Amino acid sequence: QVQLVESGGGLVQAGGSLRLSCAASKRTFSTYFMGWFRQAPGKEREFVAAIRWSGTTTYYADSVKGRFTVSRDNPENTVYLQMNSLKPEDTAVYYCAAADTIWGDTSWGATLQRSYNYWGQGTQVTVSS
């Protein structure tokens, strides 16, 4: 069982930056992709970014492309989400997740919540205007 713990959330003014971290309790050789999702009040949880655990493949939602960067530190079993130029609409609870398998095209599969079998508890990000 992989446990994921997010940290780094907080309150920031519009235009500011935050870096979220997701620490995995252990490395499993079956982990294929790590993803970030977010859920704003009254809205469904949505895809933000994903990174292949081995390799350089990354995917981003259009709404964050050019502002957010996902990266990983394999020896530390940690994934990061660097968030720059934050906007009030980025306010949400941010979740990291791990997927052992992505079926089909990863550019689509890695954006789906159902692809991920481990989830963290989430960290709140609030962007004030």
Foldseek 3Di string as FASTA:
>chain_A
DKAKAKDWADEEAAQAKIKMKIFIPDDDPLWFKKFKWWDDPPGDIFGAKMATLPDGDMAGDPVQPPFWDWDDDNVRRMIMIIGGRDDQVVWTWMKMFTASDFPDDCNPSVGDPVRTDYIYPTDTHGYHD
